[in-house]
PDB file of N, CA and C in Angstrom:
ATOM      1  N   MET A   1      -5.525  -6.758  -9.117  1.00  0.00           N
ATOM      2  CA  MET A   1      -5.133  -7.890  -8.299  1.00  0.00           C
ATOM      3  C   MET A   1      -4.811  -7.481  -6.879  1.00  0.00           C
ATOM      4  N   GLY A   2      -4.677  -6.209  -6.610  1.00  0.00           N
ATOM      5  CA  GLY A   2      -4.404  -5.778  -5.258  1.00  0.00           C
ATOM      6  C   GLY A   2      -2.924  -5.600  -4.968  1.00  0.00           C
ATOM      7  N   ILE A   3      -2.086  -5.576  -6.001  1.00  0.00           N
ATOM      8  CA  ILE A   3      -0.660  -5.349  -5.808  1.00  0.00           C
ATOM      9  C   ILE A   3      -0.315  -3.985  -6.390  1.00  0.00           C
ATOM     10  N   PHE A   4       0.464  -3.209  -5.644  1.00  0.00           N
ATOM     11  CA  PHE A   4       0.903  -1.899  -6.125  1.00  0.00           C
ATOM     12  C   PHE A   4       2.343  -1.686  -5.696  1.00  0.00           C
ATOM     13  N   PHE A   5       2.966  -0.643  -6.222  1.00  0.00           N
ATOM     14  CA  PHE A   5       4.381  -0.389  -5.996  1.00  0.00           C
ATOM     15  C   PHE A   5       4.570   0.795  -5.058  1.00  0.00           C
ATOM     16  N   ASP A   6       5.476   0.652  -4.096  1.00  0.00           N
ATOM     17  CA  ASP A   6       5.852   1.717  -3.165  1.00  0.00           C
ATOM     18  C   ASP A   6       7.120   2.372  -3.701  1.00  0.00           C
ATOM     19  N   TYR A   7       6.991   3.557  -4.284  1.00  0.00           N
ATOM     20  CA  TYR A   7       8.140   4.249  -4.870  1.00  0.00           C
ATOM     21  C   TYR A   7       9.149   4.693  -3.809  1.00  0.00           C
ATOM     22  N   THR A   8       8.683   4.978  -2.604  1.00  0.00           N
ATOM     23  CA  THR A   8       9.563   5.462  -1.544  1.00  0.00           C
ATOM     24  C   THR A   8      10.577   4.399  -1.137  1.00  0.00           C
ATOM     25  N   ASP A   9      10.120   3.153  -0.959  1.00  0.00           N
ATOM     26  CA  ASP A   9      11.000   2.061  -0.528  1.00  0.00           C
ATOM     27  C   ASP A   9      11.455   1.164  -1.671  1.00  0.00           C
ATOM     28  N   GLY A  10      10.785   1.252  -2.808  1.00  0.00           N
ATOM     29  CA  GLY A  10      11.103   0.357  -3.910  1.00  0.00           C
ATOM     30  C   GLY A  10      10.568  -1.044  -3.690  1.00  0.00           C
ATOM     31  N   ASP A  11       9.495  -1.163  -2.891  1.00  0.00           N
ATOM     32  CA  ASP A  11       8.877  -2.452  -2.570  1.00  0.00           C
ATOM     33  C   ASP A  11       7.549  -2.605  -3.286  1.00  0.00           C
ATOM     34  N   TYR A  12       7.126  -3.848  -3.423  1.00  0.00           N
ATOM     35  CA  TYR A  12       5.767  -4.138  -3.852  1.00  0.00           C
ATOM     36  C   TYR A  12       4.927  -4.348  -2.612  1.00  0.00           C
ATOM     37  N   CYS A  13       3.671  -3.942  -2.689  1.00  0.00           N
ATOM     38  CA  CYS A  13       2.739  -4.103  -1.576  1.00  0.00           C
ATOM     39  C   CYS A  13       1.524  -4.865  -2.064  1.00  0.00           C
ATOM     40  N   MET A  14       0.935  -5.637  -1.167  1.00  0.00           N
ATOM     41  CA  MET A  14      -0.277  -6.391  -1.484  1.00  0.00           C
ATOM     42  C   MET A  14      -1.369  -5.981  -0.507  1.00  0.00           C
ATOM     43  N   ARG A  15      -2.532  -5.648  -1.070  1.00  0.00           N
ATOM     44  CA  ARG A  15      -3.652  -5.255  -0.209  1.00  0.00           C
ATOM     45  C   ARG A  15      -4.060  -6.416   0.685  1.00  0.00           C
ATOM     46  N   THR A  16      -4.364  -6.078   1.947  1.00  0.00           N
ATOM     47  CA  THR A  16      -4.920  -7.058   2.871  1.00  0.00           C
ATOM     48  C   THR A  16      -6.383  -6.746   3.161  1.00  0.00           C
ATOM     49  N   SER A  17      -6.792  -5.507   2.901  1.00  0.00           N
ATOM     50  CA  SER A  17      -8.191  -5.084   2.979  1.00  0.00           C
ATOM     51  C   SER A  17      -8.319  -3.814   2.141  1.00  0.00           C
ATOM     52  N   ASP A  18      -9.453  -3.137   2.186  1.00  0.00           N
ATOM     53  CA  ASP A  18      -9.644  -1.924   1.394  1.00  0.00           C
ATOM     54  C   ASP A  18      -8.658  -0.822   1.763  1.00  0.00           C
ATOM     55  N   ASN A  19      -8.257  -0.754   3.026  1.00  0.00           N
ATOM     56  CA  ASN A  19      -7.428   0.361   3.477  1.00  0.00           C
ATOM     57  C   ASN A  19      -6.085  -0.049   4.064  1.00  0.00           C
ATOM     58  N   THR A  20      -5.736  -1.316   4.026  1.00  0.00           N
ATOM     59  CA  THR A  20      -4.439  -1.750   4.545  1.00  0.00           C
ATOM     60  C   THR A  20      -3.748  -2.656   3.534  1.00  0.00           C
ATOM     61  N   ALA A  21      -2.431  -2.692   3.665  1.00  0.00           N
ATOM     62  CA  ALA A  21      -1.621  -3.526   2.780  1.00  0.00           C
ATOM     63  C   ALA A  21      -0.365  -3.948   3.548  1.00  0.00           C
ATOM     64  N   MET A  22       0.349  -4.923   2.992  1.00  0.00           N
ATOM     65  CA  MET A  22       1.616  -5.367   3.566  1.00  0.00           C
ATOM     66  C   MET A  22       2.653  -5.311   2.459  1.00  0.00           C
ATOM     67  N   ASP A  23       3.835  -4.724   2.787  1.00  0.00           N
ATOM     68  CA  ASP A  23       4.883  -4.654   1.779  1.00  0.00           C
ATOM     69  C   ASP A  23       5.731  -5.920   1.799  1.00  0.00           C
ATOM     70  N   SER A  24       6.695  -5.993   0.898  1.00  0.00           N
ATOM     71  CA  SER A  24       7.500  -7.215   0.765  1.00  0.00           C
ATOM     72  C   SER A  24       8.400  -7.465   1.973  1.00  0.00           C
ATOM     73  N   ASP A  25       8.578  -6.460   2.842  1.00  0.00           N
ATOM     74  CA  ASP A  25       9.352  -6.636   4.078  1.00  0.00           C
ATOM     75  C   ASP A  25       8.478  -7.024   5.257  1.00  0.00           C
ATOM     76  N   GLY A  26       7.164  -7.107   5.052  1.00  0.00           N
ATOM     77  CA  GLY A  26       6.243  -7.472   6.123  1.00  0.00           C
ATOM     78  C   GLY A  26       5.705  -6.292   6.913  1.00  0.00           C
ATOM     79  N   ASN A  27       5.951  -5.072   6.444  1.00  0.00           N
ATOM     80  CA  ASN A  27       5.454  -3.871   7.122  1.00  0.00           C
ATOM     81  C   ASN A  27       4.031  -3.573   6.676  1.00  0.00           C
ATOM     82  N   TYR A  28       3.183  -3.217   7.634  1.00  0.00           N
ATOM     83  CA  TYR A  28       1.811  -2.859   7.305  1.00  0.00           C
ATOM     84  C   TYR A  28       1.738  -1.410   6.876  1.00  0.00           C
ATOM     85  N   MET A  29       0.925  -1.158   5.861  1.00  0.00           N
ATOM     86  CA  MET A  29       0.713   0.173   5.300  1.00  0.00           C
ATOM     87  C   MET A  29      -0.770   0.504   5.375  1.00  0.00           C
ATOM     88  N   MET A  30      -1.089   1.768   5.682  1.00  0.00           N
ATOM     89  CA  MET A  30      -2.475   2.221   5.712  1.00  0.00           C
ATOM     90  C   MET A  30      -2.678   3.223   4.580  1.00  0.00           C
ATOM     91  N   ARG A  31      -3.729   3.018   3.827  1.00  0.00           N
ATOM     92  CA  ARG A  31      -4.037   3.894   2.697  1.00  0.00           C
ATOM     93  C   ARG A  31      -4.418   5.275   3.192  1.00  0.00           C
ATOM     94  N   MET A  32      -3.796   6.301   2.616  1.00  0.00           N
ATOM     95  CA  MET A  32      -4.130   7.684   2.916  1.00  0.00           C
ATOM     96  C   MET A  32      -4.865   8.321   1.736  1.00  0.00           C
ATOM     97  N   SER A  33      -4.521   7.912   0.517  1.00  0.00           N
ATOM     98  CA  SER A  33      -5.184   8.354  -0.711  1.00  0.00           C
ATOM     99  C   SER A  33      -4.846   7.337  -1.795  1.00  0.00           C
ATOM    100  N   ASP A  34      -5.239   7.594  -3.033  1.00  0.00           N
ATOM    101  CA  ASP A  34      -4.980   6.646  -4.118  1.00  0.00           C
ATOM    102  C   ASP A  34      -3.492   6.435  -4.364  1.00  0.00           C
ATOM    103  N   ASN A  35      -2.660   7.431  -4.049  1.00  0.00           N
ATOM    104  CA  ASN A  35      -1.231   7.327  -4.331  1.00  0.00           C
ATOM    105  C   ASN A  35      -0.363   7.630  -3.113  1.00  0.00           C
ATOM    106  N   MET A  36      -0.901   7.406  -1.912  1.00  0.00           N
ATOM    107  CA  MET A  36      -0.136   7.648  -0.701  1.00  0.00           C
ATOM    108  C   MET A  36      -0.564   6.666   0.382  1.00  0.00           C
ATOM    109  N   ALA A  37       0.439   6.145   1.097  1.00  0.00           N
ATOM    110  CA  ALA A  37       0.176   5.226   2.206  1.00  0.00           C
ATOM    111  C   ALA A  37       1.097   5.583   3.355  1.00  0.00           C
ATOM    112  N   MET A  38       0.676   5.244   4.579  1.00  0.00           N
ATOM    113  CA  MET A  38       1.481   5.489   5.762  1.00  0.00           C
ATOM    114  C   MET A  38       1.992   4.171   6.313  1.00  0.00           C
ATOM    115  N   ASP A  39       3.286   4.104   6.566  1.00  0.00           N
ATOM    116  CA  ASP A  39       3.900   2.944   7.208  1.00  0.00           C
ATOM    117  C   ASP A  39       3.412   2.924   8.652  1.00  0.00           C
ATOM    118  N   MET A  40       2.744   1.858   9.066  1.00  0.00           N
ATOM    119  CA  MET A  40       2.142   1.786  10.389  1.00  0.00           C
ATOM    120  C   MET A  40       3.178   1.701  11.508  1.00  0.00           C
ATOM    121  N   GLU A  41       4.384   1.261  11.221  1.00  0.00           N
ATOM    122  CA  GLU A  41       5.419   1.162  12.245  1.00  0.00           C
ATOM    123  C   GLU A  41       6.145   2.493  12.449  1.00  0.00           C
ATOM    124  N   SER A  42       6.556   3.119  11.354  1.00  0.00           N
ATOM    125  CA  SER A  42       7.353   4.338  11.462  1.00  0.00           C
ATOM    126  C   SER A  42       6.524   5.622  11.376  1.00  0.00           C
ATOM    127  N   GLY A  43       5.334   5.541  10.786  1.00  0.00           N
ATOM    128  CA  GLY A  43       4.504   6.724  10.593  1.00  0.00           C
ATOM    129  C   GLY A  43       4.881   7.531   9.364  1.00  0.00           C
ATOM    130  N   GLU A  44       5.862   7.055   8.576  1.00  0.00           N
ATOM    131  CA  GLU A  44       6.299   7.753   7.377  1.00  0.00           C
ATOM    132  C   GLU A  44       5.267   7.631   6.270  1.00  0.00           C
ATOM    133  N   LEU A  45       5.123   8.697   5.480  1.00  0.00           N
ATOM    134  CA  LEU A  45       4.253   8.662   4.316  1.00  0.00           C
ATOM    135  C   LEU A  45       5.044   8.169   3.119  1.00  0.00           C
ATOM    136  N   HIS A  46       4.424   7.319   2.305  1.00  0.00           N
ATOM    137  CA  HIS A  46       5.060   6.728   1.135  1.00  0.00           C
ATOM    138  C   HIS A  46       4.242   7.033  -0.097  1.00  0.00           C
ATOM    139  N   ILE A  47       4.919   7.359  -1.176  1.00  0.00           N
ATOM    140  CA  ILE A  47       4.273   7.571  -2.473  1.00  0.00           C
ATOM    141  C   ILE A  47       4.146   6.201  -3.142  1.00  0.00           C
ATOM    142  N   THR A  48       2.951   5.892  -3.639  1.00  0.00           N
ATOM    143  CA  THR A  48       2.696   4.577  -4.226  1.00  0.00           C
ATOM    144  C   THR A  48       2.095   4.725  -5.620  1.00  0.00           C
ATOM    145  N   SER A  49       2.130   3.626  -6.365  1.00  0.00           N
ATOM    146  CA  SER A  49       1.366   3.581  -7.602  1.00  0.00           C
ATOM    147  C   SER A  49      -0.107   3.527  -7.223  1.00  0.00           C
ATOM    148  N   SER A  50      -0.979   3.564  -8.169  1.00  0.00           N
ATOM    149  CA  SER A  50      -2.409   3.635  -7.904  1.00  0.00           C
ATOM    150  C   SER A  50      -2.879   2.481  -7.023  1.00  0.00           C
ATOM    151  N   TRP A  51      -3.585   2.823  -5.959  1.00  0.00           N
ATOM    152  CA  TRP A  51      -4.137   1.862  -5.014  1.00  0.00           C
ATOM    153  C   TRP A  51      -5.630   1.793  -5.300  1.00  0.00           C
ATOM    154  N   ASP A  52      -6.026   0.906  -6.194  1.00  0.00           N
ATOM    155  CA  ASP A  52      -7.426   0.800  -6.582  1.00  0.00           C
ATOM    156  C   ASP A  52      -8.263   0.330  -5.408  1.00  0.00           C
ATOM    157  N   ASN A  53      -9.488   0.819  -5.356  1.00  0.00           N
ATOM    158  CA  ASN A  53     -10.410   0.434  -4.293  1.00  0.00           C
ATOM    159  C   ASN A  53     -11.514  -0.462  -4.825  1.00  0.00           C
ATOM    160  N   ASP A  54     -11.315  -1.044  -5.990  1.00  0.00           N
ATOM    161  CA  ASP A  54     -12.315  -1.895  -6.623  1.00  0.00           C
ATOM    162  C   ASP A  54     -12.107  -3.338  -6.184  1.00  0.00           C
ATOM    163  N   GLU A  55     -13.004  -3.877  -5.384  1.00  0.00           N
ATOM    164  CA  GLU A  55     -12.854  -5.230  -4.866  1.00  0.00           C
ATOM    165  C   GLU A  55     -12.991  -6.293  -5.948  1.00  0.00           C
ATOM    166  N   ASP A  56     -13.520  -5.925  -7.126  1.00  0.00           N
ATOM    167  CA  ASP A  56     -13.657  -6.885  -8.217  1.00  0.00           C
ATOM    168  C   ASP A  56     -12.295  -7.305  -8.769  1.00  0.00           C
ATOM    169  N   ASP A  57     -11.230  -6.533  -8.456  1.00  0.00           N
ATOM    170  CA  ASP A  57      -9.884  -6.847  -8.952  1.00  0.00           C
ATOM    171  C   ASP A  57      -9.244  -8.025  -8.226  1.00  0.00           C
ATOM    172  N   TRP A  58      -9.803  -8.448  -7.112  1.00  0.00           N
ATOM    173  CA  TRP A  58      -9.184  -9.508  -6.293  1.00  0.00           C
ATOM    174  C   TRP A  58      -9.206 -10.806  -7.014  1.00  0.00           C
TER     175      TRP A  58
END
């Protein structure tokens, strides 16, 4: 469905495209790998649950 969990912040994130997402606080995240994303505002790396790249899940 495009929703995954950010273990670093304890937030849920929703994909907005293949490589970007928005967390529950409205912060944009950029995918770095299947289990890592970068907060676009702070530049911090976050550990996430699996970030599937399968568009059929939408």
